[in-house]
Every structure is written in C-alpha cells, then in structure tokens.
N, C-alpha and C. Protein backbone atom coordinates (compact mmCIF):
# COMPACT_ATOMS: atom_id res chain seq x y z
N MET A 1 16.80 -25.61 -3.61
CA MET A 1 16.03 -24.63 -2.85
C MET A 1 14.93 -25.35 -2.07
N LYS A 2 14.78 -25.00 -0.80
CA LYS A 2 13.87 -25.75 0.07
C LYS A 2 12.41 -25.67 -0.36
N ILE A 3 12.03 -24.61 -1.05
CA ILE A 3 10.62 -24.51 -1.46
C ILE A 3 10.28 -25.55 -2.52
N ILE A 4 11.21 -25.83 -3.42
CA ILE A 4 10.96 -26.82 -4.47
C ILE A 4 10.75 -28.19 -3.83
N LYS A 5 11.59 -28.54 -2.86
CA LYS A 5 11.43 -29.82 -2.15
C LYS A 5 10.10 -29.87 -1.42
N ALA A 6 9.73 -28.78 -0.77
CA ALA A 6 8.46 -28.75 -0.04
C ALA A 6 7.28 -28.93 -0.99
N VAL A 7 7.31 -28.25 -2.12
CA VAL A 7 6.22 -28.35 -3.10
C VAL A 7 6.16 -29.77 -3.66
N GLU A 8 7.31 -30.29 -4.07
CA GLU A 8 7.35 -31.63 -4.66
C GLU A 8 6.89 -32.71 -3.70
N ARG A 9 7.16 -32.53 -2.41
CA ARG A 9 6.79 -33.54 -1.41
C ARG A 9 5.43 -33.28 -0.78
N GLY A 10 4.77 -32.21 -1.20
CA GLY A 10 3.45 -31.89 -0.66
C GLY A 10 3.48 -31.46 0.80
N LYS A 11 4.61 -30.93 1.24
CA LYS A 11 4.74 -30.48 2.64
C LYS A 11 4.11 -29.11 2.81
N LYS A 12 3.91 -28.73 4.05
CA LYS A 12 3.37 -27.40 4.35
C LYS A 12 4.37 -26.34 3.91
N ILE A 13 3.83 -25.26 3.38
CA ILE A 13 4.65 -24.15 2.91
C ILE A 13 4.35 -22.94 3.78
N ARG A 14 5.41 -22.37 4.35
CA ARG A 14 5.25 -21.16 5.18
C ARG A 14 5.53 -19.94 4.33
N VAL A 15 4.51 -19.09 4.20
CA VAL A 15 4.65 -17.86 3.43
C VAL A 15 4.36 -16.67 4.34
N LEU A 16 5.02 -15.58 4.05
CA LEU A 16 4.79 -14.32 4.75
C LEU A 16 4.22 -13.35 3.73
N GLY A 17 2.96 -12.94 3.94
CA GLY A 17 2.28 -12.06 2.99
C GLY A 17 2.16 -10.65 3.51
N PHE A 18 2.47 -9.67 2.66
CA PHE A 18 2.43 -8.26 3.04
C PHE A 18 1.42 -7.48 2.21
N ASP A 19 0.68 -6.61 2.89
CA ASP A 19 -0.24 -5.69 2.22
C ASP A 19 -0.24 -4.37 2.97
N ASP A 20 -0.42 -3.28 2.24
CA ASP A 20 -0.49 -1.99 2.91
C ASP A 20 -1.90 -1.76 3.44
N ALA A 21 -1.98 -1.08 4.57
CA ALA A 21 -3.26 -0.71 5.18
C ALA A 21 -3.77 0.57 4.52
N PRO A 22 -5.04 0.92 4.73
CA PRO A 22 -5.54 2.20 4.20
C PRO A 22 -4.64 3.36 4.66
N PHE A 23 -4.43 4.33 3.77
CA PHE A 23 -3.49 5.40 4.06
C PHE A 23 -3.98 6.74 3.56
N ASP A 24 -3.41 7.82 4.13
CA ASP A 24 -3.70 9.18 3.68
C ASP A 24 -3.13 9.37 2.28
N ARG A 25 -3.77 10.21 1.51
CA ARG A 25 -3.34 10.42 0.13
C ARG A 25 -2.18 11.41 -0.01
N GLN A 26 -1.81 12.06 1.07
CA GLN A 26 -0.75 13.06 1.01
C GLN A 26 0.61 12.40 0.82
N ARG A 27 1.33 12.80 -0.22
CA ARG A 27 2.65 12.25 -0.50
C ARG A 27 3.56 12.49 0.71
N GLY A 28 4.29 11.44 1.09
CA GLY A 28 5.21 11.53 2.22
C GLY A 28 4.62 11.09 3.55
N SER A 29 3.30 10.84 3.58
CA SER A 29 2.68 10.39 4.83
C SER A 29 3.07 8.94 5.13
N ILE A 30 2.81 8.52 6.36
CA ILE A 30 3.14 7.16 6.79
C ILE A 30 2.09 6.18 6.29
N VAL A 31 2.56 5.05 5.79
CA VAL A 31 1.69 3.97 5.35
C VAL A 31 2.04 2.73 6.16
N ASN A 32 1.08 2.20 6.89
CA ASN A 32 1.32 0.97 7.65
C ASN A 32 1.23 -0.23 6.72
N VAL A 33 2.05 -1.22 7.01
CA VAL A 33 2.09 -2.45 6.23
C VAL A 33 1.99 -3.62 7.20
N SER A 34 1.03 -4.49 6.96
CA SER A 34 0.90 -5.67 7.81
C SER A 34 1.47 -6.88 7.09
N GLY A 35 2.08 -7.74 7.86
CA GLY A 35 2.61 -8.99 7.34
C GLY A 35 2.02 -10.14 8.12
N VAL A 36 1.54 -11.15 7.41
CA VAL A 36 0.93 -12.31 8.06
C VAL A 36 1.65 -13.57 7.61
N LEU A 37 2.03 -14.38 8.59
CA LEU A 37 2.66 -15.67 8.33
C LEU A 37 1.59 -16.75 8.33
N CYS A 38 1.58 -17.54 7.28
CA CYS A 38 0.67 -18.68 7.21
C CYS A 38 1.45 -19.93 6.84
N SER A 39 1.04 -21.04 7.44
CA SER A 39 1.51 -22.35 7.03
C SER A 39 0.40 -22.91 6.16
N ASN A 40 0.65 -22.97 4.85
CA ASN A 40 -0.40 -23.16 3.85
C ASN A 40 -1.45 -22.07 4.07
N THR A 41 -2.62 -22.41 4.63
CA THR A 41 -3.65 -21.38 4.85
C THR A 41 -3.90 -21.10 6.33
N ARG A 42 -3.09 -21.67 7.18
CA ARG A 42 -3.30 -21.49 8.62
C ARG A 42 -2.48 -20.32 9.16
N PHE A 43 -3.15 -19.38 9.83
CA PHE A 43 -2.51 -18.21 10.42
C PHE A 43 -1.57 -18.64 11.53
N GLU A 44 -0.31 -18.13 11.48
CA GLU A 44 0.67 -18.50 12.50
C GLU A 44 1.37 -17.31 13.15
N GLY A 45 1.29 -16.14 12.56
CA GLY A 45 1.99 -15.01 13.15
C GLY A 45 1.78 -13.74 12.35
N MET A 46 2.29 -12.62 12.89
CA MET A 46 2.05 -11.33 12.26
C MET A 46 3.20 -10.37 12.51
N LEU A 47 3.41 -9.49 11.54
CA LEU A 47 4.38 -8.39 11.63
C LEU A 47 3.66 -7.09 11.30
N TRP A 48 4.24 -5.97 11.71
CA TRP A 48 3.66 -4.65 11.43
C TRP A 48 4.82 -3.69 11.20
N THR A 49 4.80 -2.95 10.11
CA THR A 49 5.85 -1.99 9.82
C THR A 49 5.24 -0.80 9.09
N GLU A 50 6.09 0.10 8.62
CA GLU A 50 5.57 1.26 7.89
C GLU A 50 6.55 1.69 6.81
N VAL A 51 5.98 2.26 5.75
CA VAL A 51 6.75 2.84 4.65
C VAL A 51 6.19 4.24 4.39
N THR A 52 6.75 4.92 3.42
CA THR A 52 6.35 6.28 3.09
C THR A 52 5.46 6.29 1.85
N LYS A 53 4.37 7.03 1.91
CA LYS A 53 3.48 7.18 0.76
C LYS A 53 4.27 7.75 -0.42
N ASP A 54 4.25 7.03 -1.55
CA ASP A 54 4.95 7.42 -2.77
C ASP A 54 6.45 7.57 -2.57
N GLY A 55 6.98 6.94 -1.52
CA GLY A 55 8.41 7.05 -1.24
C GLY A 55 9.23 6.04 -2.02
N ASN A 56 10.41 5.78 -1.51
CA ASN A 56 11.29 4.79 -2.14
C ASN A 56 11.95 3.88 -1.10
N ASP A 57 11.23 3.66 0.01
CA ASP A 57 11.80 2.88 1.11
C ASP A 57 11.17 1.50 1.31
N ALA A 58 10.26 1.09 0.45
CA ALA A 58 9.54 -0.18 0.66
C ALA A 58 10.47 -1.39 0.60
N THR A 59 11.36 -1.41 -0.38
CA THR A 59 12.25 -2.57 -0.52
C THR A 59 13.14 -2.73 0.70
N GLU A 60 13.82 -1.65 1.10
CA GLU A 60 14.73 -1.72 2.25
C GLU A 60 13.97 -2.04 3.54
N THR A 61 12.78 -1.48 3.69
CA THR A 61 11.98 -1.75 4.89
C THR A 61 11.62 -3.22 4.97
N LEU A 62 11.16 -3.79 3.85
CA LEU A 62 10.80 -5.21 3.85
C LEU A 62 12.01 -6.10 4.12
N ILE A 63 13.14 -5.77 3.51
CA ILE A 63 14.35 -6.56 3.75
C ILE A 63 14.66 -6.58 5.25
N LYS A 64 14.64 -5.42 5.86
CA LYS A 64 14.99 -5.31 7.28
C LYS A 64 14.00 -6.07 8.16
N VAL A 65 12.70 -5.87 7.93
CA VAL A 65 11.70 -6.50 8.79
C VAL A 65 11.68 -8.02 8.61
N ILE A 66 11.89 -8.49 7.39
CA ILE A 66 11.89 -9.94 7.14
C ILE A 66 13.13 -10.59 7.77
N LYS A 67 14.30 -10.04 7.50
CA LYS A 67 15.53 -10.65 8.01
C LYS A 67 15.63 -10.61 9.53
N ASN A 68 14.96 -9.65 10.15
CA ASN A 68 15.04 -9.52 11.61
C ASN A 68 13.88 -10.18 12.35
N CYS A 69 12.94 -10.77 11.63
CA CYS A 69 11.79 -11.37 12.32
C CYS A 69 12.10 -12.79 12.77
N LYS A 70 11.39 -13.23 13.79
CA LYS A 70 11.64 -14.56 14.36
C LYS A 70 11.19 -15.69 13.42
N PHE A 71 10.42 -15.35 12.37
CA PHE A 71 9.91 -16.35 11.44
C PHE A 71 10.88 -16.63 10.28
N TYR A 72 11.90 -15.80 10.15
CA TYR A 72 12.73 -15.81 8.94
C TYR A 72 13.24 -17.20 8.55
N GLU A 73 13.78 -17.93 9.49
CA GLU A 73 14.36 -19.25 9.19
C GLU A 73 13.31 -20.27 8.76
N GLN A 74 12.04 -20.01 9.08
CA GLN A 74 10.97 -20.96 8.75
C GLN A 74 10.36 -20.70 7.36
N LEU A 75 10.65 -19.56 6.78
CA LEU A 75 9.96 -19.13 5.57
C LEU A 75 10.38 -19.91 4.33
N HIS A 76 9.38 -20.13 3.47
CA HIS A 76 9.64 -20.69 2.14
C HIS A 76 9.53 -19.61 1.07
N ALA A 77 8.67 -18.61 1.29
CA ALA A 77 8.46 -17.57 0.28
C ALA A 77 7.81 -16.34 0.90
N VAL A 78 7.94 -15.22 0.21
CA VAL A 78 7.29 -13.97 0.60
C VAL A 78 6.30 -13.59 -0.49
N LEU A 79 5.10 -13.23 -0.07
CA LEU A 79 4.05 -12.80 -1.00
C LEU A 79 3.78 -11.32 -0.79
N LEU A 80 3.55 -10.61 -1.87
CA LEU A 80 3.24 -9.19 -1.81
C LEU A 80 1.92 -8.94 -2.51
N ASP A 81 1.13 -8.04 -1.96
CA ASP A 81 -0.10 -7.63 -2.64
C ASP A 81 0.29 -6.54 -3.64
N GLY A 82 0.67 -6.96 -4.82
CA GLY A 82 1.13 -6.04 -5.85
C GLY A 82 2.59 -5.70 -5.70
N ILE A 83 3.07 -4.83 -6.56
CA ILE A 83 4.48 -4.49 -6.63
C ILE A 83 4.80 -3.17 -5.94
N ALA A 84 3.77 -2.50 -5.40
CA ALA A 84 3.99 -1.21 -4.74
C ALA A 84 3.10 -1.09 -3.52
N PHE A 85 3.59 -0.36 -2.53
CA PHE A 85 2.82 -0.05 -1.33
C PHE A 85 2.66 1.46 -1.24
N GLY A 86 1.60 1.90 -0.62
CA GLY A 86 1.43 3.33 -0.39
C GLY A 86 1.49 4.14 -1.67
N GLY A 87 0.67 3.79 -2.62
CA GLY A 87 0.69 4.48 -3.91
C GLY A 87 1.77 3.90 -4.79
N PHE A 88 2.86 4.67 -4.98
CA PHE A 88 3.93 4.24 -5.89
C PHE A 88 5.27 4.08 -5.18
N ASN A 89 5.25 3.50 -3.98
CA ASN A 89 6.48 3.10 -3.31
C ASN A 89 6.79 1.70 -3.84
N ILE A 90 7.50 1.68 -4.95
CA ILE A 90 7.65 0.45 -5.74
C ILE A 90 8.74 -0.44 -5.15
N ILE A 91 8.42 -1.72 -5.08
CA ILE A 91 9.33 -2.72 -4.53
C ILE A 91 10.21 -3.26 -5.65
N ASP A 92 11.50 -3.30 -5.39
CA ASP A 92 12.45 -3.89 -6.33
C ASP A 92 12.40 -5.40 -6.08
N LEU A 93 11.55 -6.09 -6.83
CA LEU A 93 11.26 -7.50 -6.57
C LEU A 93 12.52 -8.39 -6.62
N PRO A 94 13.35 -8.30 -7.67
CA PRO A 94 14.55 -9.14 -7.67
C PRO A 94 15.52 -8.82 -6.55
N SER A 95 15.69 -7.54 -6.22
CA SER A 95 16.60 -7.17 -5.14
C SER A 95 16.09 -7.66 -3.79
N LEU A 96 14.78 -7.58 -3.57
CA LEU A 96 14.20 -8.09 -2.34
C LEU A 96 14.46 -9.59 -2.22
N ALA A 97 14.16 -10.33 -3.29
CA ALA A 97 14.35 -11.78 -3.27
C ALA A 97 15.81 -12.16 -3.03
N ASP A 98 16.72 -11.45 -3.68
CA ASP A 98 18.15 -11.74 -3.49
C ASP A 98 18.60 -11.42 -2.07
N ALA A 99 18.16 -10.28 -1.54
CA ALA A 99 18.62 -9.85 -0.21
C ALA A 99 18.14 -10.79 0.90
N ILE A 100 16.94 -11.33 0.76
CA ILE A 100 16.41 -12.21 1.81
C ILE A 100 16.65 -13.68 1.48
N ASN A 101 17.17 -13.92 0.26
CA ASN A 101 17.47 -15.28 -0.19
C ASN A 101 16.24 -16.19 -0.15
N LEU A 102 15.12 -15.62 -0.60
CA LEU A 102 13.86 -16.36 -0.66
C LEU A 102 13.11 -15.98 -1.94
N PRO A 103 12.27 -16.87 -2.43
CA PRO A 103 11.41 -16.49 -3.54
C PRO A 103 10.42 -15.42 -3.11
N CYS A 104 10.13 -14.49 -4.02
CA CYS A 104 9.14 -13.45 -3.78
C CYS A 104 8.13 -13.46 -4.91
N ILE A 105 6.85 -13.38 -4.54
CA ILE A 105 5.77 -13.41 -5.52
C ILE A 105 4.85 -12.23 -5.27
N ALA A 106 4.70 -11.38 -6.28
CA ALA A 106 3.77 -10.24 -6.20
C ALA A 106 2.47 -10.68 -6.87
N VAL A 107 1.38 -10.65 -6.12
CA VAL A 107 0.09 -11.15 -6.58
C VAL A 107 -0.82 -9.96 -6.89
N MET A 108 -1.51 -10.03 -8.03
CA MET A 108 -2.43 -8.97 -8.44
C MET A 108 -3.81 -9.56 -8.69
N ARG A 109 -4.83 -8.75 -8.54
CA ARG A 109 -6.20 -9.22 -8.79
C ARG A 109 -6.49 -9.36 -10.28
N LYS A 110 -5.82 -8.53 -11.09
CA LYS A 110 -6.01 -8.58 -12.55
C LYS A 110 -4.74 -8.02 -13.19
N HIS A 111 -4.64 -8.19 -14.49
CA HIS A 111 -3.50 -7.64 -15.21
C HIS A 111 -3.48 -6.12 -15.04
N PRO A 112 -2.34 -5.57 -14.65
CA PRO A 112 -2.27 -4.12 -14.49
C PRO A 112 -2.28 -3.40 -15.83
N ASP A 113 -2.76 -2.18 -15.82
CA ASP A 113 -2.74 -1.32 -17.01
C ASP A 113 -1.38 -0.62 -17.01
N LEU A 114 -0.41 -1.21 -17.68
CA LEU A 114 0.96 -0.71 -17.64
C LEU A 114 1.11 0.67 -18.28
N VAL A 115 0.27 0.98 -19.26
CA VAL A 115 0.31 2.31 -19.88
C VAL A 115 -0.15 3.35 -18.86
N ALA A 116 -1.24 3.08 -18.14
CA ALA A 116 -1.73 4.03 -17.14
C ALA A 116 -0.72 4.19 -16.00
N ILE A 117 -0.09 3.09 -15.61
CA ILE A 117 0.92 3.15 -14.56
C ILE A 117 2.09 4.02 -15.01
N ASP A 118 2.55 3.80 -16.23
CA ASP A 118 3.67 4.58 -16.75
C ASP A 118 3.32 6.06 -16.81
N ASN A 119 2.10 6.37 -17.23
CA ASN A 119 1.68 7.78 -17.27
C ASN A 119 1.65 8.39 -15.87
N ALA A 120 1.19 7.63 -14.88
CA ALA A 120 1.16 8.13 -13.50
C ALA A 120 2.57 8.36 -12.97
N LEU A 121 3.49 7.48 -13.33
CA LEU A 121 4.87 7.62 -12.86
C LEU A 121 5.54 8.88 -13.40
N LYS A 122 5.05 9.40 -14.51
CA LYS A 122 5.64 10.61 -15.10
C LYS A 122 5.42 11.84 -14.22
N ASN A 123 4.59 11.71 -13.19
CA ASN A 123 4.39 12.80 -12.23
C ASN A 123 5.51 12.88 -11.19
N PHE A 124 6.44 11.94 -11.22
CA PHE A 124 7.54 11.90 -10.27
C PHE A 124 8.83 12.39 -10.91
N ASP A 125 9.62 13.13 -10.14
CA ASP A 125 10.92 13.61 -10.64
C ASP A 125 11.85 12.45 -11.00
N ASP A 126 11.72 11.33 -10.27
CA ASP A 126 12.57 10.16 -10.53
C ASP A 126 11.83 9.12 -11.38
N TYR A 127 11.10 9.60 -12.37
CA TYR A 127 10.32 8.73 -13.26
C TYR A 127 11.15 7.56 -13.77
N GLN A 128 12.36 7.82 -14.27
CA GLN A 128 13.18 6.77 -14.87
C GLN A 128 13.47 5.65 -13.88
N VAL A 129 13.75 6.01 -12.64
CA VAL A 129 14.06 5.01 -11.60
C VAL A 129 12.83 4.15 -11.33
N ARG A 130 11.68 4.79 -11.15
CA ARG A 130 10.45 4.05 -10.84
C ARG A 130 10.02 3.17 -12.02
N ALA A 131 10.13 3.70 -13.22
CA ALA A 131 9.77 2.91 -14.40
C ALA A 131 10.70 1.70 -14.53
N ALA A 132 11.97 1.87 -14.21
CA ALA A 132 12.92 0.75 -14.26
C ALA A 132 12.56 -0.33 -13.24
N LEU A 133 12.09 0.09 -12.05
CA LEU A 133 11.68 -0.90 -11.04
C LEU A 133 10.48 -1.71 -11.51
N ILE A 134 9.55 -1.06 -12.19
CA ILE A 134 8.40 -1.77 -12.75
C ILE A 134 8.88 -2.82 -13.76
N ARG A 135 9.80 -2.42 -14.64
CA ARG A 135 10.32 -3.36 -15.64
C ARG A 135 11.10 -4.49 -14.99
N ARG A 136 11.88 -4.18 -13.93
CA ARG A 136 12.68 -5.19 -13.25
C ARG A 136 11.84 -6.29 -12.61
N ALA A 137 10.59 -5.99 -12.32
CA ALA A 137 9.72 -6.99 -11.68
C ALA A 137 9.47 -8.18 -12.61
N GLY A 138 9.71 -7.99 -13.89
CA GLY A 138 9.65 -9.12 -14.83
C GLY A 138 8.29 -9.38 -15.42
N ASP A 139 8.19 -10.53 -16.05
CA ASP A 139 6.97 -10.93 -16.75
C ASP A 139 5.81 -11.07 -15.78
N ILE A 140 4.63 -10.83 -16.32
CA ILE A 140 3.39 -11.04 -15.56
C ILE A 140 2.78 -12.34 -16.06
N TYR A 141 2.52 -13.24 -15.13
CA TYR A 141 1.98 -14.56 -15.47
C TYR A 141 0.52 -14.65 -15.04
N GLN A 142 -0.25 -15.44 -15.78
CA GLN A 142 -1.60 -15.77 -15.34
C GLN A 142 -1.77 -17.27 -15.47
N GLN A 143 -2.06 -17.90 -14.34
CA GLN A 143 -2.35 -19.33 -14.32
C GLN A 143 -3.61 -19.49 -13.48
N ASP A 144 -4.62 -20.09 -14.07
CA ASP A 144 -5.95 -20.17 -13.46
C ASP A 144 -6.38 -18.75 -13.07
N ASN A 145 -6.76 -18.54 -11.81
CA ASN A 145 -7.22 -17.22 -11.37
C ASN A 145 -6.09 -16.33 -10.86
N PHE A 146 -4.87 -16.81 -10.85
CA PHE A 146 -3.77 -16.06 -10.27
C PHE A 146 -3.04 -15.23 -11.34
N VAL A 147 -2.83 -13.95 -11.02
CA VAL A 147 -2.01 -13.06 -11.84
C VAL A 147 -0.84 -12.66 -10.95
N PHE A 148 0.40 -12.87 -11.40
CA PHE A 148 1.53 -12.66 -10.51
C PHE A 148 2.83 -12.41 -11.27
N GLN A 149 3.78 -11.86 -10.53
CA GLN A 149 5.17 -11.74 -10.95
C GLN A 149 6.00 -12.44 -9.89
N CYS A 150 7.17 -12.94 -10.28
CA CYS A 150 7.95 -13.67 -9.30
C CYS A 150 9.44 -13.49 -9.53
N ALA A 151 10.20 -13.66 -8.45
CA ALA A 151 11.65 -13.58 -8.49
C ALA A 151 12.23 -14.71 -7.65
N ASN A 152 13.32 -15.29 -8.12
CA ASN A 152 14.00 -16.41 -7.46
C ASN A 152 13.14 -17.67 -7.39
N ILE A 153 12.23 -17.80 -8.33
CA ILE A 153 11.35 -18.96 -8.39
C ILE A 153 10.75 -19.02 -9.79
N SER A 154 10.53 -20.23 -10.30
CA SER A 154 9.90 -20.35 -11.62
C SER A 154 8.41 -20.06 -11.50
N ALA A 155 7.80 -19.67 -12.59
CA ALA A 155 6.36 -19.39 -12.59
C ALA A 155 5.56 -20.63 -12.21
N ASP A 156 6.00 -21.81 -12.63
CA ASP A 156 5.26 -23.04 -12.32
C ASP A 156 5.28 -23.35 -10.82
N ILE A 157 6.44 -23.21 -10.20
CA ILE A 157 6.53 -23.46 -8.75
C ILE A 157 5.78 -22.36 -8.00
N ALA A 158 5.91 -21.10 -8.46
CA ALA A 158 5.18 -19.99 -7.83
C ALA A 158 3.68 -20.26 -7.85
N PHE A 159 3.18 -20.76 -8.96
CA PHE A 159 1.75 -21.08 -9.07
C PHE A 159 1.36 -22.14 -8.04
N LYS A 160 2.20 -23.15 -7.85
CA LYS A 160 1.91 -24.20 -6.86
C LYS A 160 1.92 -23.63 -5.44
N VAL A 161 2.82 -22.69 -5.18
CA VAL A 161 2.86 -22.03 -3.88
C VAL A 161 1.55 -21.26 -3.66
N LEU A 162 1.11 -20.54 -4.67
CA LEU A 162 -0.13 -19.77 -4.56
C LEU A 162 -1.32 -20.70 -4.33
N GLN A 163 -1.36 -21.81 -5.03
CA GLN A 163 -2.44 -22.78 -4.83
C GLN A 163 -2.44 -23.31 -3.40
N ALA A 164 -1.26 -23.70 -2.91
CA ALA A 164 -1.15 -24.28 -1.56
C ALA A 164 -1.51 -23.29 -0.47
N SER A 165 -1.31 -22.00 -0.74
CA SER A 165 -1.53 -20.99 0.30
C SER A 165 -2.86 -20.27 0.16
N THR A 166 -3.72 -20.77 -0.72
CA THR A 166 -5.03 -20.15 -0.95
C THR A 166 -6.14 -21.10 -0.54
N ASP A 167 -7.07 -20.59 0.27
CA ASP A 167 -8.20 -21.39 0.70
C ASP A 167 -9.25 -21.43 -0.40
N THR A 168 -9.77 -20.28 -0.77
CA THR A 168 -10.73 -20.17 -1.86
C THR A 168 -10.40 -18.91 -2.66
N GLY A 169 -10.84 -18.86 -3.90
CA GLY A 169 -10.64 -17.67 -4.72
C GLY A 169 -9.23 -17.57 -5.26
N ASN A 170 -8.76 -16.33 -5.43
CA ASN A 170 -7.45 -16.12 -6.04
C ASN A 170 -6.55 -15.23 -5.19
N VAL A 171 -6.82 -15.16 -3.89
CA VAL A 171 -5.98 -14.39 -2.97
C VAL A 171 -5.45 -15.34 -1.91
N PRO A 172 -4.12 -15.52 -1.85
CA PRO A 172 -3.55 -16.37 -0.80
C PRO A 172 -3.97 -15.87 0.58
N GLU A 173 -4.14 -16.80 1.49
CA GLU A 173 -4.67 -16.48 2.82
C GLU A 173 -3.81 -15.45 3.56
N ALA A 174 -2.50 -15.53 3.42
CA ALA A 174 -1.62 -14.58 4.10
C ALA A 174 -1.90 -13.15 3.62
N LEU A 175 -2.17 -12.98 2.33
CA LEU A 175 -2.49 -11.64 1.81
C LEU A 175 -3.90 -11.22 2.21
N ARG A 176 -4.83 -12.15 2.17
CA ARG A 176 -6.21 -11.83 2.56
C ARG A 176 -6.25 -11.36 4.02
N LEU A 177 -5.57 -12.09 4.89
CA LEU A 177 -5.56 -11.73 6.31
C LEU A 177 -4.81 -10.42 6.57
N SER A 178 -3.70 -10.21 5.89
CA SER A 178 -2.96 -8.96 6.11
C SER A 178 -3.79 -7.77 5.66
N HIS A 179 -4.58 -7.94 4.61
CA HIS A 179 -5.48 -6.87 4.16
C HIS A 179 -6.57 -6.61 5.20
N LEU A 180 -7.20 -7.66 5.68
CA LEU A 180 -8.28 -7.51 6.66
C LEU A 180 -7.78 -6.89 7.96
N ILE A 181 -6.62 -7.35 8.43
CA ILE A 181 -6.08 -6.84 9.68
C ILE A 181 -5.68 -5.37 9.53
N GLY A 182 -5.00 -5.04 8.44
CA GLY A 182 -4.60 -3.65 8.21
C GLY A 182 -5.80 -2.72 8.14
N SER A 183 -6.85 -3.16 7.45
CA SER A 183 -8.07 -2.35 7.35
C SER A 183 -8.72 -2.15 8.71
N ALA A 184 -8.79 -3.22 9.49
CA ALA A 184 -9.44 -3.13 10.80
C ALA A 184 -8.67 -2.21 11.74
N ILE A 185 -7.36 -2.31 11.73
CA ILE A 185 -6.55 -1.47 12.61
C ILE A 185 -6.67 0.00 12.23
N LYS A 186 -6.67 0.30 10.94
CA LYS A 186 -6.67 1.69 10.50
C LYS A 186 -8.06 2.33 10.46
N THR A 187 -9.11 1.54 10.22
CA THR A 187 -10.44 2.12 10.05
C THR A 187 -11.43 1.67 11.12
N GLY A 188 -11.08 0.70 11.94
CA GLY A 188 -11.98 0.21 12.96
C GLY A 188 -12.76 -1.03 12.57
N GLU A 189 -12.71 -1.38 11.27
CA GLU A 189 -13.37 -2.62 10.83
C GLU A 189 -12.68 -3.11 9.55
N SER A 190 -12.77 -4.39 9.33
CA SER A 190 -12.15 -4.94 8.13
C SER A 190 -13.01 -4.62 6.92
N SER A 191 -12.33 -4.47 5.79
CA SER A 191 -13.08 -4.19 4.56
C SER A 191 -13.46 -5.52 3.92
N ASN A 192 -14.39 -5.46 3.00
CA ASN A 192 -14.86 -6.71 2.39
C ASN A 192 -14.06 -7.08 1.14
N ARG A 193 -13.09 -6.26 0.74
CA ARG A 193 -12.32 -6.55 -0.46
C ARG A 193 -10.88 -6.87 -0.10
N ALA A 194 -10.52 -8.14 -0.25
CA ALA A 194 -9.14 -8.54 0.06
C ALA A 194 -8.42 -8.93 -1.20
C-alpha cells in the first residue's frame, strides 16, 4: 500500500479531510460538508458537498465525491471529523475505505460516550442499522493526543499519518481547515473550535 511506503520513507502524505459545516437542527435538512486536501500540513485544494441531517447518505456521498475528484489519484488517506455528519448520518467506515481503496481515519477530540450515543440512536426507527454502523467502525485508539478509528490501515500507521498531517495540537490540518472554512461559509466567520 502506497501510504506505508510514504510513511516509512518520510515522504509527503496527501490527505483529504472532511468536516460538516454548521447546520439546522431539523431532521432531513441539508448539511454542507467541506473537504480539504493537504500535503502533510500544506493546503492544496478543496471540495464541497452536502448530506442530509440525520440521514443515511453520508457514506455514498463521500464515495462519489472522492472517486470523482481530481485529487483522487494523489491521495494517501481520507480523514473524517468523527464517524457521523449532520447529527447521526453515520459513515460506514470500512465500506468507505473499501469503496475508495484508501485508508480512512475518523478523528475525535475525546473518547465518545458510547452509551449516550446508543441511547440517542434509539430515537430512530432504524436503530439496529445505525447501531451496527457504529460497531462496524471498529476499535477506538488513543495514541498521544489523538483519538481515532481506522479502516484499511493499522493503528500504528494511522497514528503516523495523523502526526505528519498535524501542525500543532491534536487536529490534523485538513480537518482544522475544513472546519474553519465550513463555519465561515455558513455563518460569515470561522469558529474558534476546530
């Protein structure tokens, strides 16, 4: 896999990071998602798409936008700000990674409260499907300041990718920028929490 060679040789790693922009709380509303391409921590490009609040279209939308973008052949990995966009539009992490044939890493600021998440999912008619997607995302790892889940990549290599793509703190630059850009476009200014 090309990412392992890039990490082992200390080469630049191109990651595409996705985060949802601020959105209306009404179920079924449109949620914008920004994608930022970085070579290590250097901004190189951007994508913009949309999913449905609390819907079930995030995985298919990401597959389509990633495979059809001009950056696809250059990518080493895809980073996600968490495992869901627009509330509980949960991403099928292994299916996404398999469909795009790239490693996928979902990055979190802290360990999620899985009991609270499970209780919230019980408000959906398709609770079993959503709960299964959460389980399919796999183990949650913590290495240094990074909390993450990964597919099509080992936790050790994923950690090295996160290190290489982070300037300071525990948020890779592609995710930090996609958060800032999404906030600015939707609210008129970037938020201070990435």
